[in-house]
Amino acid sequence: MALISPLQAAELKVIAGGSLTALLNELTPTFEKVTGHTLSILFDSTPNIVTRINAGTPFDVVVVPVDVFKDVPEARFMLPTIDFAHVGYGVAIRAGAPKPDISTPDALKKTLLAASSIASVPASAAGAYVTKVFERLGIADEMKAKTKAQAGPPQIAPAVANGEAELGVFLTNVLIAPSVELVGPFPAELQQELVFIAALAADVKEYDAAYAFIEYLATPTVTAALKARGMKPG
């Protein structure tokens, strides 16, 4: 990506999944410095993103869970879409706390039932899958009573760190954060990867800048940042 003159600089409107808040906030300054473009990123949950796009919220680029594309008309996006990253689910504790056993479905079930509380975001694509796992384990009612619903993924780790919740249960990239420790991923029998997709709006206003951002998402800098957060590129 080459540096451009201020006259060519554009402000890109980006809609992104809330689980990508820390990652994209980390990566934004480099993109802006190298290209001269600026990013205005709206982070939200999958249901809210679907509502916003269907209501006509303007955007140039989305970086969102694949679930968004099930409920938004394909005509809103310039095809093809691009697989940006994959990430699975896990459990986190406050740093320094004893690590519980989550190595098998039965061990995870016992750990969840023994916990006084958990932090998650039920009103999201990832939170919906966590709820499905509770249902598969036969503990949906018990976990509903123990769940401390957070406003968004960025609030999960702080809730665990400050003792509001004993466990954080969500996407592992969200659980790799200061003052908390990732216990590990869900057992293989219960694991599923969430795919994040990047796409341009069909009516993108700043095509060159938006395409530069898509290219940036495939650079070694971004790949390294994804891996550091336990995510798989592409």
Protein backbone atom coordinates (compact mmCIF):
# COMPACT_ATOMS: atom_id res chain seq x y z
CA MET A 1 0.00 0.00 0.00
CA ALA A 2 1.52 3.28 -1.09
CA LEU A 3 1.22 6.59 0.69
CA ILE A 4 -1.29 8.93 -0.97
CA SER A 5 -1.78 12.66 -0.91
CA PRO A 6 -4.29 14.25 1.49
CA LEU A 7 -6.43 15.21 -1.50
CA GLN A 8 -6.98 11.54 -2.23
CA ALA A 9 -7.57 10.53 1.38
CA ALA A 10 -10.98 9.11 2.21
CA GLU A 11 -12.94 8.31 5.35
CA LEU A 12 -14.13 4.73 5.21
CA LYS A 13 -17.30 3.67 6.98
CA VAL A 14 -16.70 0.16 8.34
CA ILE A 15 -19.16 -2.10 10.13
CA ALA A 16 -17.49 -4.83 12.19
CA GLY A 17 -18.39 -7.57 14.60
CA GLY A 18 -18.00 -6.61 18.24
CA SER A 19 -15.60 -9.51 18.78
CA LEU A 20 -13.11 -7.73 16.51
CA THR A 21 -13.01 -4.51 18.53
CA ALA A 22 -9.59 -4.97 20.12
CA LEU A 23 -8.04 -6.39 16.95
CA LEU A 24 -9.22 -3.65 14.59
CA ASN A 25 -8.51 -0.88 17.08
CA GLU A 26 -4.95 -2.20 17.23
CA LEU A 27 -4.60 -2.38 13.45
CA THR A 28 -6.33 0.86 12.47
CA PRO A 29 -3.44 3.29 13.18
CA THR A 30 -1.06 1.43 10.87
CA PHE A 31 -3.56 1.39 8.01
CA GLU A 32 -4.31 5.08 8.48
CA LYS A 33 -0.61 6.01 8.65
CA VAL A 34 0.37 4.03 5.58
CA THR A 35 -2.56 4.95 3.33
CA GLY A 36 -3.71 8.36 4.58
CA HIS A 37 -7.28 7.06 4.73
CA THR A 38 -9.21 7.09 7.98
CA LEU A 39 -11.52 4.42 9.37
CA SER A 40 -14.81 5.13 11.11
CA ILE A 41 -15.68 1.73 12.57
CA LEU A 42 -19.06 0.80 14.00
CA PHE A 43 -18.75 -2.32 16.18
CA ASP A 44 -21.93 -4.22 17.00
CA SER A 45 -23.50 -7.64 17.53
CA THR A 46 -24.66 -9.75 14.60
CA PRO A 47 -28.41 -9.16 15.15
CA ASN A 48 -27.85 -5.41 15.38
CA ILE A 49 -25.60 -5.39 12.32
CA VAL A 50 -28.29 -7.17 10.31
CA THR A 51 -30.88 -4.64 11.49
CA ARG A 52 -28.63 -1.68 10.68
CA ILE A 53 -27.74 -2.84 7.17
CA ASN A 54 -31.32 -3.79 6.31
CA ALA A 55 -32.43 -0.36 7.57
CA GLY A 56 -30.05 1.33 5.14
CA THR A 57 -27.12 2.29 7.37
CA PRO A 58 -24.40 3.43 4.93
CA PHE A 59 -21.11 1.53 4.86
CA ASP A 60 -18.14 0.96 2.59
CA VAL A 61 -16.78 -2.27 4.10
CA VAL A 62 -18.00 -4.92 6.51
CA VAL A 63 -15.87 -7.33 8.56
CA VAL A 64 -18.51 -9.44 10.22
CA PRO A 65 -19.53 -12.97 11.24
CA VAL A 66 -20.72 -15.08 8.33
CA ASP A 67 -24.15 -15.25 10.00
CA VAL A 68 -24.80 -11.67 8.85
CA PHE A 69 -24.97 -12.85 5.25
CA LYS A 70 -27.83 -15.22 6.03
CA ASP A 71 -30.16 -12.34 6.81
CA VAL A 72 -28.96 -9.49 4.60
CA PRO A 73 -29.75 -9.51 0.85
CA GLU A 74 -26.77 -10.52 -1.25
CA ALA A 75 -27.38 -7.45 -3.42
CA ARG A 76 -26.07 -5.21 -0.59
CA PHE A 77 -22.54 -6.54 -1.12
CA MET A 78 -20.02 -6.55 -3.93
CA LEU A 79 -19.16 -10.17 -4.62
CA PRO A 80 -17.15 -12.22 -4.01
CA THR A 81 -16.87 -11.90 -0.27
CA ILE A 82 -13.58 -12.82 1.42
CA ASP A 83 -12.92 -15.13 4.35
CA PHE A 84 -10.98 -12.96 6.81
CA ALA A 85 -10.49 -15.18 9.86
CA HIS A 86 -11.70 -18.19 11.82
CA VAL A 87 -11.82 -18.55 15.59
CA GLY A 88 -13.18 -21.08 18.07
CA TYR A 89 -14.69 -20.90 21.52
CA GLY A 90 -13.13 -21.21 24.94
CA VAL A 91 -13.18 -20.40 28.63
CA ALA A 92 -11.18 -17.80 30.57
CA ILE A 93 -10.50 -17.14 34.25
CA ARG A 94 -9.02 -14.25 36.20
CA ALA A 95 -5.23 -14.32 35.94
CA GLY A 96 -3.74 -16.38 38.75
CA ALA A 97 -6.91 -18.29 39.58
CA PRO A 98 -6.76 -22.12 39.59
CA LYS A 99 -7.38 -23.54 36.13
CA PRO A 100 -10.46 -25.78 35.97
CA ASP A 101 -10.70 -28.87 33.78
CA ILE A 102 -12.56 -28.34 30.49
CA SER A 103 -10.81 -31.09 28.52
CA THR A 104 -13.94 -33.17 27.87
CA PRO A 105 -17.65 -32.35 27.53
CA ASP A 106 -18.30 -33.86 30.97
CA ALA A 107 -15.42 -31.90 32.53
CA LEU A 108 -16.63 -28.67 30.93
CA LYS A 109 -20.14 -29.36 32.21
CA LYS A 110 -18.88 -29.87 35.76
CA THR A 111 -16.75 -26.71 35.59
CA LEU A 112 -19.66 -24.62 34.34
CA LEU A 113 -22.02 -25.96 36.98
CA ALA A 114 -19.44 -25.33 39.71
CA ALA A 115 -18.87 -21.72 38.63
CA SER A 116 -20.74 -19.02 40.52
CA SER A 117 -21.19 -16.93 37.37
CA ILE A 118 -20.07 -16.52 33.77
CA ALA A 119 -19.65 -13.52 31.47
CA SER A 120 -20.85 -13.77 27.88
CA VAL A 121 -22.89 -11.88 25.29
CA PRO A 122 -26.00 -13.99 24.65
CA ALA A 123 -27.40 -11.46 22.15
CA SER A 124 -24.76 -12.18 19.51
CA ALA A 125 -23.92 -14.87 16.97
CA ALA A 126 -21.14 -16.21 19.20
CA GLY A 127 -23.30 -16.00 22.30
CA ALA A 128 -26.04 -17.94 20.55
CA TYR A 129 -23.60 -20.76 19.89
CA VAL A 130 -22.48 -20.74 23.54
CA THR A 131 -26.13 -21.12 24.52
CA LYS A 132 -26.45 -24.07 22.13
CA VAL A 133 -23.48 -25.73 23.85
CA PHE A 134 -25.20 -25.29 27.22
CA GLU A 135 -28.29 -26.92 25.73
CA ARG A 136 -26.24 -29.85 24.39
CA LEU A 137 -24.76 -30.31 27.86
CA GLY A 138 -28.25 -30.25 29.39
CA ILE A 139 -27.52 -27.22 31.60
CA ALA A 140 -29.23 -24.40 29.71
CA ASP A 141 -31.50 -23.36 32.60
CA GLU A 142 -28.72 -23.42 35.18
CA MET A 143 -26.41 -21.37 32.96
CA LYS A 144 -29.08 -18.83 32.10
CA ALA A 145 -29.38 -18.04 35.79
CA LYS A 146 -25.58 -17.73 36.14
CA THR A 147 -24.90 -15.66 33.04
CA LYS A 148 -23.83 -12.06 33.52
CA ALA A 149 -24.78 -10.67 30.12
CA GLN A 150 -22.29 -8.07 28.91
CA ALA A 151 -23.01 -5.13 26.62
CA GLY A 152 -20.45 -6.41 24.11
CA PRO A 153 -17.45 -8.74 23.72
CA PRO A 154 -14.91 -6.12 24.94
CA GLN A 155 -16.59 -6.15 28.35
CA ILE A 156 -16.19 -9.91 28.94
CA ALA A 157 -12.52 -9.96 29.96
CA PRO A 158 -12.85 -6.96 32.33
CA ALA A 159 -15.88 -8.59 33.98
CA VAL A 160 -13.78 -11.67 34.72
CA ALA A 161 -10.74 -9.64 35.76
CA ASN A 162 -12.67 -7.54 38.28
CA GLY A 163 -14.53 -10.50 39.77
CA GLU A 164 -17.97 -9.71 38.39
CA ALA A 165 -17.93 -13.17 36.78
CA GLU A 166 -15.90 -16.26 37.62
CA LEU A 167 -15.59 -17.45 34.02
CA GLY A 168 -15.63 -15.86 30.59
CA VAL A 169 -17.18 -18.08 27.93
CA PHE A 170 -16.91 -16.81 24.37
CA LEU A 171 -14.65 -16.65 21.31
CA THR A 172 -11.04 -17.26 22.30
CA ASN A 173 -9.70 -14.07 20.70
CA VAL A 174 -11.91 -12.04 23.05
CA LEU A 175 -10.61 -14.02 26.03
CA ILE A 176 -6.94 -13.31 25.28
CA ALA A 177 -6.73 -10.04 27.18
CA PRO A 178 -4.95 -8.35 30.10
CA SER A 179 -5.65 -9.67 33.63
CA VAL A 180 -7.38 -12.82 32.41
CA GLU A 181 -6.04 -16.21 31.38
CA LEU A 182 -7.40 -18.51 28.72
CA VAL A 183 -8.11 -21.91 30.27
CA GLY A 184 -8.36 -23.43 26.82
CA PRO A 185 -10.72 -24.13 23.93
CA PHE A 186 -13.97 -26.07 24.14
CA PRO A 187 -13.52 -29.84 23.78
CA ALA A 188 -13.38 -30.95 20.16
CA GLU A 189 -16.85 -32.52 20.37
CA LEU A 190 -18.35 -29.13 21.21
CA GLN A 191 -16.04 -26.87 19.21
CA GLN A 192 -17.10 -24.85 16.21
CA GLU A 193 -15.27 -22.07 14.43
CA LEU A 194 -16.91 -18.74 13.72
CA VAL A 195 -15.94 -17.34 10.32
CA PHE A 196 -15.51 -13.60 9.84
CA ILE A 197 -16.12 -12.30 6.33
CA ALA A 198 -14.89 -9.09 4.73
CA ALA A 199 -16.87 -7.51 1.91
CA LEU A 200 -17.34 -4.23 0.08
CA ALA A 201 -20.73 -2.58 -0.12
CA ALA A 202 -22.37 -2.89 -3.54
CA ASP A 203 -22.76 0.90 -3.53
CA VAL A 204 -19.34 1.60 -1.97
CA LYS A 205 -18.60 5.32 -2.13
CA GLU A 206 -14.82 5.06 -1.77
CA TYR A 207 -13.91 2.01 -3.83
CA ASP A 208 -10.14 2.50 -4.02
CA ALA A 209 -9.82 3.19 -0.30
CA ALA A 210 -12.14 0.32 0.60
CA TYR A 211 -10.21 -2.09 -1.62
CA ALA A 212 -6.96 -0.91 0.00
CA PHE A 213 -8.44 -1.85 3.36
CA ILE A 214 -9.40 -5.30 2.08
CA GLU A 215 -5.82 -5.73 0.84
CA TYR A 216 -4.50 -4.58 4.21
CA LEU A 217 -6.46 -7.34 5.94
CA ALA A 218 -4.33 -9.89 4.07
CA THR A 219 -0.94 -8.37 4.95
CA PRO A 220 1.65 -10.06 7.19
CA THR A 221 1.00 -7.41 9.85
CA VAL A 222 -2.65 -8.42 10.13
CA THR A 223 -1.86 -12.12 9.86
CA ALA A 224 0.54 -11.85 12.79
CA ALA A 225 -2.03 -9.94 14.85
CA LEU A 226 -4.67 -12.59 14.15
CA LYS A 227 -2.38 -15.42 15.20
CA ALA A 228 -1.40 -13.57 18.38
CA ARG A 229 -5.08 -13.53 19.32
CA GLY A 230 -5.61 -17.21 18.60
CA MET A 231 -7.34 -16.66 15.26
CA LYS A 232 -6.68 -18.40 11.95
CA PRO A 233 -6.25 -16.08 8.95
CA GLY A 234 -8.43 -16.61 5.89
